[in-house]
Amino acid sequence: MKRLAAAGRRCLAPDLYNLGDSQETGPATFQRNVDSFTDFMDGLGLDELVLVVHDWGGHVGLAWACDHPGQISALVISDTGFFSDARWHGLADTIRGPEGDGLISSLDRDGFAGLLNAGREVFSAGEIDKYWEPFTEGRGQRATLDYYRSLDFEDLSPWDGKLAAIDAPTLLLWGADDPFAVLAAGKRFHRELPDSELVAIEGTGHFVFDEEPERCADEVLRFLGR
């Protein structure tokens, strides 16, 4: 965001419901995130924008984009999915099932750091502390369970075909070694979105913007300058 701001771009990064600095209460479901993001965007009153999405934000942001196609000048999509015939990855399936409550309640900061870093040194101790903060208050656990359990991918079927219909220039920026939103998802977006390009960064996992921030900034700035 600093590189984009330095290039004259206004950058806004809202937190997901009940995560980050969000102090909202209530179920952090997929639909509530969509509704909250819609309220946020309505409040900004923007006529046109470039939407950048990652992971859960992909489900939420792309649903909003499909409902507001006239506001989208370009898309940057990273390590997510938006397919009504998709399946959750193994960890998400466990969280969605009867063992999910115990798994999430037993998660401590070290285990959380292990999940984020996944054997790499991606996040500093200070960054881990910031991401862990909602979990010290209990809202992080609730938000995780609420979100995973609220979204069956067939729920995305009302938006089938609508993302491609936006026909906006799209950069697909992917971690080539992502174990969750695998590269096959990026390749599928590339097949289905008419004006798209796929950049898969070798040696990176799920958190591609954090693992390779300079490379990602270079790619986004290049794409926006086309």
C-alpha atoms as a PDB file:
ATOM      1  CA  MET A   1       0.000   0.000   0.000  1.00  0.00           C
ATOM      2  CA  LYS A   2       2.890   2.385   0.690  1.00  0.00           C
ATOM      3  CA  ARG A   3       4.222   1.942  -2.834  1.00  0.00           C
ATOM      4  CA  LEU A   4       0.771   2.493  -4.329  1.00  0.00           C
ATOM      5  CA  ALA A   5       0.162   5.554  -2.159  1.00  0.00           C
ATOM      6  CA  ALA A   6       3.532   6.965  -3.190  1.00  0.00           C
ATOM      7  CA  ALA A   7       2.416   6.546  -6.804  1.00  0.00           C
ATOM      8  CA  GLY A   8      -0.649   8.682  -6.119  1.00  0.00           C
ATOM      9  CA  ARG A   9      -3.185   5.949  -5.404  1.00  0.00           C
ATOM     10  CA  ARG A  10      -5.624   6.259  -2.513  1.00  0.00           C
ATOM     11  CA  CYS A  11      -5.573   2.904  -0.709  1.00  0.00           C
ATOM     12  CA  LEU A  12      -8.159   1.648   1.787  1.00  0.00           C
ATOM     13  CA  ALA A  13      -8.028  -1.721   3.570  1.00  0.00           C
ATOM     14  CA  PRO A  14     -11.092  -2.473   5.721  1.00  0.00           C
ATOM     15  CA  ASP A  15     -10.895  -5.258   8.286  1.00  0.00           C
ATOM     16  CA  LEU A  16     -13.095  -8.299   8.044  1.00  0.00           C
ATOM     17  CA  TYR A  17     -16.003  -8.378  10.480  1.00  0.00           C
ATOM     18  CA  ASN A  18     -14.796  -9.012  14.060  1.00  0.00           C
ATOM     19  CA  LEU A  19     -11.146  -9.298  12.973  1.00  0.00           C
ATOM     20  CA  GLY A  20      -8.291  -6.795  12.958  1.00  0.00           C
ATOM     21  CA  ASP A  21      -9.443  -3.589  14.610  1.00  0.00           C
ATOM     22  CA  SER A  22     -13.111  -4.279  13.913  1.00  0.00           C
ATOM     23  CA  GLN A  23     -14.982  -4.056  17.209  1.00  0.00           C
ATOM     24  CA  GLU A  24     -18.336  -5.080  15.773  1.00  0.00           C
ATOM     25  CA  THR A  25     -20.318  -7.749  17.573  1.00  0.00           C
ATOM     26  CA  GLY A  26     -22.614 -10.396  16.249  1.00  0.00           C
ATOM     27  CA  PRO A  27     -22.159 -13.300  13.847  1.00  0.00           C
ATOM     28  CA  ALA A  28     -19.243 -12.835  11.458  1.00  0.00           C
ATOM     29  CA  THR A  29     -20.899 -14.752   8.641  1.00  0.00           C
ATOM     30  CA  PHE A  30     -20.172 -14.465   4.938  1.00  0.00           C
ATOM     31  CA  GLN A  31     -23.402 -12.558   4.346  1.00  0.00           C
ATOM     32  CA  ARG A  32     -22.789 -10.185   7.229  1.00  0.00           C
ATOM     33  CA  ASN A  33     -19.328  -9.444   5.848  1.00  0.00           C
ATOM     34  CA  VAL A  34     -20.864  -8.731   2.436  1.00  0.00           C
ATOM     35  CA  ASP A  35     -23.473  -6.453   4.014  1.00  0.00           C
ATOM     36  CA  SER A  36     -20.853  -4.621   6.107  1.00  0.00           C
ATOM     37  CA  PHE A  37     -18.566  -4.171   3.115  1.00  0.00           C
ATOM     38  CA  THR A  38     -21.495  -2.856   1.083  1.00  0.00           C
ATOM     39  CA  ASP A  39     -22.262  -0.306   3.810  1.00  0.00           C
ATOM     40  CA  PHE A  40     -18.579   0.672   3.902  1.00  0.00           C
ATOM     41  CA  MET A  41     -18.451   1.190   0.145  1.00  0.00           C
ATOM     42  CA  ASP A  42     -21.741   3.084   0.098  1.00  0.00           C
ATOM     43  CA  GLY A  43     -20.313   5.438   2.700  1.00  0.00           C
ATOM     44  CA  LEU A  44     -17.285   6.174   0.543  1.00  0.00           C
ATOM     45  CA  GLY A  45     -19.411   7.142  -2.439  1.00  0.00           C
ATOM     46  CA  LEU A  46     -16.775   6.139  -4.996  1.00  0.00           C
ATOM     47  CA  ASP A  47     -17.740   6.150  -8.670  1.00  0.00           C
ATOM     48  CA  GLU A  48     -14.894   3.928  -9.859  1.00  0.00           C
ATOM     49  CA  LEU A  49     -12.203   1.855  -8.177  1.00  0.00           C
ATOM     50  CA  VAL A  50      -9.660  -0.922  -8.435  1.00  0.00           C
ATOM     51  CA  LEU A  51     -10.670  -3.754  -6.114  1.00  0.00           C
ATOM     52  CA  VAL A  52      -7.882  -5.869  -4.583  1.00  0.00           C
ATOM     53  CA  VAL A  53      -8.963  -9.061  -2.802  1.00  0.00           C
ATOM     54  CA  HIS A  54      -7.309 -11.982  -1.018  1.00  0.00           C
ATOM     55  CA  ASP A  55      -8.567 -15.168   0.694  1.00  0.00           C
ATOM     56  CA  TRP A  56     -11.891 -14.586   2.550  1.00  0.00           C
ATOM     57  CA  GLY A  57     -11.869 -11.059   1.184  1.00  0.00           C
ATOM     58  CA  GLY A  58     -12.130 -12.626  -2.252  1.00  0.00           C
ATOM     59  CA  HIS A  59     -15.507 -14.179  -1.481  1.00  0.00           C
ATOM     60  CA  VAL A  60     -16.776 -10.958   0.059  1.00  0.00           C
ATOM     61  CA  GLY A  61     -15.240  -8.457  -2.338  1.00  0.00           C
ATOM     62  CA  LEU A  62     -16.036 -10.344  -5.534  1.00  0.00           C
ATOM     63  CA  ALA A  63     -19.665 -10.803  -4.485  1.00  0.00           C
ATOM     64  CA  TRP A  64     -19.829  -7.034  -3.989  1.00  0.00           C
ATOM     65  CA  ALA A  65     -18.132  -6.435  -7.343  1.00  0.00           C
ATOM     66  CA  CYS A  66     -20.648  -8.618  -9.156  1.00  0.00           C
ATOM     67  CA  ASP A  67     -23.457  -6.577  -7.599  1.00  0.00           C
ATOM     68  CA  HIS A  68     -21.757  -3.261  -8.482  1.00  0.00           C
ATOM     69  CA  PRO A  69     -20.080  -3.879 -11.850  1.00  0.00           C
ATOM     70  CA  GLY A  70     -20.239  -0.255 -12.926  1.00  0.00           C
ATOM     71  CA  GLN A  71     -17.856   0.760 -10.146  1.00  0.00           C
ATOM     72  CA  ILE A  72     -15.084  -1.669 -11.099  1.00  0.00           C
ATOM     73  CA  SER A  73     -12.313  -0.309 -13.300  1.00  0.00           C
ATOM     74  CA  ALA A  74      -9.936  -3.215 -12.601  1.00  0.00           C
ATOM     75  CA  LEU A  75      -9.480  -6.206 -10.299  1.00  0.00           C
ATOM     76  CA  VAL A  76      -6.506  -7.711  -8.491  1.00  0.00           C
ATOM     77  CA  ILE A  77      -7.357 -11.195  -7.243  1.00  0.00           C
ATOM     78  CA  SER A  78      -4.974 -13.124  -5.007  1.00  0.00           C
ATOM     79  CA  ASP A  79      -5.086 -16.617  -3.507  1.00  0.00           C
ATOM     80  CA  THR A  80      -8.834 -17.055  -3.178  1.00  0.00           C
ATOM     81  CA  GLY A  81     -11.759 -18.693  -4.954  1.00  0.00           C
ATOM     82  CA  PHE A  82     -15.179 -17.697  -6.177  1.00  0.00           C
ATOM     83  CA  PHE A  83     -16.565 -20.901  -7.646  1.00  0.00           C
ATOM     84  CA  SER A  84     -19.892 -22.422  -6.638  1.00  0.00           C
ATOM     85  CA  ASP A  85     -18.643 -25.961  -7.355  1.00  0.00           C
ATOM     86  CA  ALA A  86     -15.497 -25.598  -5.211  1.00  0.00           C
ATOM     87  CA  ARG A  87     -14.650 -27.523  -2.045  1.00  0.00           C
ATOM     88  CA  TRP A  88     -13.096 -26.250   1.169  1.00  0.00           C
ATOM     89  CA  HIS A  89      -9.521 -27.277   1.956  1.00  0.00           C
ATOM     90  CA  GLY A  90      -8.907 -29.865   4.671  1.00  0.00           C
ATOM     91  CA  LEU A  91      -8.317 -27.508   7.588  1.00  0.00           C
ATOM     92  CA  ALA A  92     -11.459 -25.543   6.758  1.00  0.00           C
ATOM     93  CA  ASP A  93     -13.473 -28.774   6.573  1.00  0.00           C
ATOM     94  CA  THR A  94     -12.285 -29.673  10.064  1.00  0.00           C
ATOM     95  CA  ILE A  95     -13.204 -26.233  11.420  1.00  0.00           C
ATOM     96  CA  ARG A  96     -16.650 -26.487   9.815  1.00  0.00           C
ATOM     97  CA  GLY A  97     -17.258 -29.883  11.438  1.00  0.00           C
ATOM     98  CA  PRO A  98     -17.934 -31.049  14.996  1.00  0.00           C
ATOM     99  CA  GLU A  99     -14.236 -30.960  15.924  1.00  0.00           C
ATOM    100  CA  GLY A 100     -13.925 -27.315  14.911  1.00  0.00           C
ATOM    101  CA  ASP A 101     -14.857 -25.786  18.266  1.00  0.00           C
ATOM    102  CA  GLY A 102     -12.222 -27.776  20.102  1.00  0.00           C
ATOM    103  CA  LEU A 103      -9.584 -27.091  17.472  1.00  0.00           C
ATOM    104  CA  ILE A 104     -10.136 -23.328  17.522  1.00  0.00           C
ATOM    105  CA  SER A 105     -10.449 -23.083  21.314  1.00  0.00           C
ATOM    106  CA  SER A 106      -7.157 -24.958  21.777  1.00  0.00           C
ATOM    107  CA  LEU A 107      -5.232 -22.677  19.411  1.00  0.00           C
ATOM    108  CA  ASP A 108      -2.607 -20.594  21.197  1.00  0.00           C
ATOM    109  CA  ARG A 109      -0.363 -17.829  19.901  1.00  0.00           C
ATOM    110  CA  ASP A 110       2.481 -20.183  18.992  1.00  0.00           C
ATOM    111  CA  GLY A 111       0.183 -22.468  17.070  1.00  0.00           C
ATOM    112  CA  PHE A 112      -1.364 -19.461  15.358  1.00  0.00           C
ATOM    113  CA  ALA A 113       2.096 -18.203  14.376  1.00  0.00           C
ATOM    114  CA  GLY A 114       2.909 -21.635  12.998  1.00  0.00           C
ATOM    115  CA  LEU A 115      -0.186 -21.581  10.810  1.00  0.00           C
ATOM    116  CA  LEU A 116       0.590 -18.127   9.436  1.00  0.00           C
ATOM    117  CA  ASN A 117       4.276 -18.737   8.835  1.00  0.00           C
ATOM    118  CA  ALA A 118       3.881 -22.354   7.668  1.00  0.00           C
ATOM    119  CA  GLY A 119       7.559 -23.147   8.110  1.00  0.00           C
ATOM    120  CA  ARG A 120       8.675 -19.843   6.609  1.00  0.00           C
ATOM    121  CA  GLU A 121       9.657 -16.552   8.242  1.00  0.00           C
ATOM    122  CA  VAL A 122       6.906 -14.420   6.786  1.00  0.00           C
ATOM    123  CA  PHE A 123       5.527 -12.456   9.744  1.00  0.00           C
ATOM    124  CA  SER A 124       7.497 -10.715  12.491  1.00  0.00           C
ATOM    125  CA  ALA A 125       6.657 -11.215  16.161  1.00  0.00           C
ATOM    126  CA  GLY A 126       4.971  -7.802  16.191  1.00  0.00           C
ATOM    127  CA  GLU A 127       2.839  -8.681  13.177  1.00  0.00           C
ATOM    128  CA  ILE A 128       1.837 -11.981  14.741  1.00  0.00           C
ATOM    129  CA  ASP A 129       0.832 -10.124  17.919  1.00  0.00           C
ATOM    130  CA  LYS A 130      -1.386  -7.783  15.903  1.00  0.00           C
ATOM    131  CA  TYR A 131      -3.094 -10.601  14.025  1.00  0.00           C
ATOM    132  CA  TRP A 132      -3.486 -12.565  17.263  1.00  0.00           C
ATOM    133  CA  GLU A 133      -5.087  -9.648  19.153  1.00  0.00           C
ATOM    134  CA  PRO A 134      -8.724 -10.512  18.257  1.00  0.00           C
ATOM    135  CA  PHE A 135      -8.108 -14.032  19.552  1.00  0.00           C
ATOM    136  CA  THR A 136      -7.027 -12.741  22.947  1.00  0.00           C
ATOM    137  CA  GLU A 137     -10.507 -11.213  23.206  1.00  0.00           C
ATOM    138  CA  GLY A 138     -12.420 -14.244  21.903  1.00  0.00           C
ATOM    139  CA  ARG A 139     -13.802 -12.503  18.839  1.00  0.00           C
ATOM    140  CA  GLY A 140     -11.186 -14.062  16.561  1.00  0.00           C
ATOM    141  CA  GLN A 141     -12.301 -17.580  17.480  1.00  0.00           C
ATOM    142  CA  ARG A 142     -15.968 -16.697  16.972  1.00  0.00           C
ATOM    143  CA  ALA A 143     -15.294 -14.982  13.646  1.00  0.00           C
ATOM    144  CA  THR A 144     -13.318 -17.962  12.339  1.00  0.00           C
ATOM    145  CA  LEU A 145     -16.041 -20.456  13.222  1.00  0.00           C
ATOM    146  CA  ASP A 146     -18.835 -18.173  12.020  1.00  0.00           C
ATOM    147  CA  TYR A 147     -17.260 -17.492   8.646  1.00  0.00           C
ATOM    148  CA  TYR A 148     -16.226 -21.015   7.726  1.00  0.00           C
ATOM    149  CA  ARG A 149     -19.517 -22.506   8.859  1.00  0.00           C
ATOM    150  CA  SER A 150     -21.672 -19.905   7.118  1.00  0.00           C
ATOM    151  CA  LEU A 151     -20.334 -20.336   3.586  1.00  0.00           C
ATOM    152  CA  ASP A 152     -21.176 -23.363   1.505  1.00  0.00           C
ATOM    153  CA  PHE A 153     -19.665 -22.740  -1.903  1.00  0.00           C
ATOM    154  CA  GLU A 154     -22.971 -23.443  -3.643  1.00  0.00           C
ATOM    155  CA  ASP A 155     -24.129 -20.230  -1.918  1.00  0.00           C
ATOM    156  CA  LEU A 156     -22.029 -18.418  -4.535  1.00  0.00           C
ATOM    157  CA  SER A 157     -24.200 -19.729  -7.391  1.00  0.00           C
ATOM    158  CA  PRO A 158     -26.248 -16.485  -7.705  1.00  0.00           C
ATOM    159  CA  TRP A 159     -23.028 -14.852  -8.948  1.00  0.00           C
ATOM    160  CA  ASP A 160     -22.101 -17.576 -11.464  1.00  0.00           C
ATOM    161  CA  GLY A 161     -20.896 -15.899 -14.642  1.00  0.00           C
ATOM    162  CA  LYS A 162     -21.267 -12.379 -13.270  1.00  0.00           C
ATOM    163  CA  LEU A 163     -17.581 -11.841 -12.526  1.00  0.00           C
ATOM    164  CA  ALA A 164     -16.625 -12.555 -16.128  1.00  0.00           C
ATOM    165  CA  ALA A 165     -19.462 -10.299 -17.283  1.00  0.00           C
ATOM    166  CA  ILE A 166     -17.815  -7.309 -15.568  1.00  0.00           C
ATOM    167  CA  ASP A 167     -15.101  -7.695 -18.220  1.00  0.00           C
ATOM    168  CA  ALA A 168     -12.627  -5.598 -16.231  1.00  0.00           C
ATOM    169  CA  PRO A 169      -8.855  -5.920 -16.609  1.00  0.00           C
ATOM    170  CA  THR A 170      -7.765  -8.415 -13.963  1.00  0.00           C
ATOM    171  CA  LEU A 171      -4.414  -9.275 -12.429  1.00  0.00           C
ATOM    172  CA  LEU A 172      -4.306 -12.711 -10.821  1.00  0.00           C
ATOM    173  CA  LEU A 173      -1.416 -12.621  -8.358  1.00  0.00           C
ATOM    174  CA  TRP A 174      -0.758 -16.019  -6.814  1.00  0.00           C
ATOM    175  CA  GLY A 175       1.611 -17.822  -4.510  1.00  0.00           C
ATOM    176  CA  ALA A 176       2.671 -20.782  -6.630  1.00  0.00           C
ATOM    177  CA  ASP A 177       2.993 -23.013  -3.540  1.00  0.00           C
ATOM    178  CA  ASP A 178      -0.239 -21.971  -1.784  1.00  0.00           C
ATOM    179  CA  PRO A 179      -1.589 -25.097   0.008  1.00  0.00           C
ATOM    180  CA  PHE A 180      -5.033 -23.571   0.617  1.00  0.00           C
ATOM    181  CA  ALA A 181      -6.072 -21.561  -2.438  1.00  0.00           C
ATOM    182  CA  VAL A 182      -4.035 -23.660  -4.815  1.00  0.00           C
ATOM    183  CA  LEU A 183      -2.644 -22.368  -8.094  1.00  0.00           C
ATOM    184  CA  ALA A 184      -5.279 -24.352  -9.984  1.00  0.00           C
ATOM    185  CA  ALA A 185      -7.809 -21.769  -8.730  1.00  0.00           C
ATOM    186  CA  GLY A 186      -5.736 -18.963 -10.219  1.00  0.00           C
ATOM    187  CA  LYS A 187      -5.535 -20.844 -13.520  1.00  0.00           C
ATOM    188  CA  ARG A 188      -9.292 -21.306 -13.512  1.00  0.00           C
ATOM    189  CA  PHE A 189      -9.863 -17.589 -12.968  1.00  0.00           C
ATOM    190  CA  HIS A 190      -7.476 -16.984 -15.882  1.00  0.00           C
ATOM    191  CA  ARG A 191      -9.520 -19.271 -18.151  1.00  0.00           C
ATOM    192  CA  GLU A 192     -12.848 -17.765 -17.150  1.00  0.00           C
ATOM    193  CA  LEU A 193     -12.032 -14.045 -16.981  1.00  0.00           C
ATOM    194  CA  PRO A 194     -11.610 -12.625 -20.499  1.00  0.00           C
ATOM    195  CA  ASP A 195      -9.133  -9.790 -19.816  1.00  0.00           C
ATOM    196  CA  SER A 196      -6.918 -11.416 -17.196  1.00  0.00           C
ATOM    197  CA  GLU A 197      -3.271 -12.187 -16.671  1.00  0.00           C
ATOM    198  CA  LEU A 198      -1.868 -14.664 -14.187  1.00  0.00           C
ATOM    199  CA  VAL A 199       1.369 -14.045 -12.290  1.00  0.00           C
ATOM    200  CA  ALA A 200       2.391 -17.017 -10.145  1.00  0.00           C
ATOM    201  CA  ILE A 201       5.321 -16.217  -7.857  1.00  0.00           C
ATOM    202  CA  GLU A 202       7.493 -19.245  -7.330  1.00  0.00           C
ATOM    203  CA  GLY A 203       8.484 -20.215  -3.807  1.00  0.00           C
ATOM    204  CA  THR A 204       5.618 -18.335  -2.146  1.00  0.00           C
ATOM    205  CA  GLY A 205       2.651 -19.671  -0.259  1.00  0.00           C
ATOM    206  CA  HIS A 206      -0.732 -18.292   0.725  1.00  0.00           C
ATOM    207  CA  PHE A 207       0.294 -14.852   1.992  1.00  0.00           C
ATOM    208  CA  VAL A 208       1.932 -13.739  -1.226  1.00  0.00           C
ATOM    209  CA  PHE A 209       1.722  -9.995  -0.477  1.00  0.00           C
ATOM    210  CA  ASP A 210       3.522 -10.529   2.833  1.00  0.00           C
ATOM    211  CA  GLU A 211       6.084 -12.990   1.498  1.00  0.00           C
ATOM    212  CA  GLU A 212       7.058 -10.957  -1.559  1.00  0.00           C
ATOM    213  CA  PRO A 213       5.857  -7.374  -0.901  1.00  0.00           C
ATOM    214  CA  GLU A 214       8.200  -5.641  -3.337  1.00  0.00           C
ATOM    215  CA  ARG A 215       7.523  -8.079  -6.167  1.00  0.00           C
ATOM    216  CA  CYS A 216       3.782  -7.789  -5.583  1.00  0.00           C
ATOM    217  CA  ALA A 217       3.970  -3.985  -5.528  1.00  0.00           C
ATOM    218  CA  ASP A 218       5.943  -4.079  -8.790  1.00  0.00           C
ATOM    219  CA  GLU A 219       3.345  -6.297 -10.435  1.00  0.00           C
ATOM    220  CA  VAL A 220       0.359  -4.248  -9.269  1.00  0.00           C
ATOM    221  CA  LEU A 221       1.943  -0.952 -10.333  1.00  0.00           C
ATOM    222  CA  ARG A 222       2.887  -2.420 -13.710  1.00  0.00           C
ATOM    223  CA  PHE A 223      -0.645  -3.735 -14.180  1.00  0.00           C
ATOM    224  CA  LEU A 224      -2.278  -0.428 -13.230  1.00  0.00           C
ATOM    225  CA  GLY A 225       0.043   1.424 -15.572  1.00  0.00           C
ATOM    226  CA  ARG A 226      -0.944  -0.596 -18.628  1.00  0.00           C
END
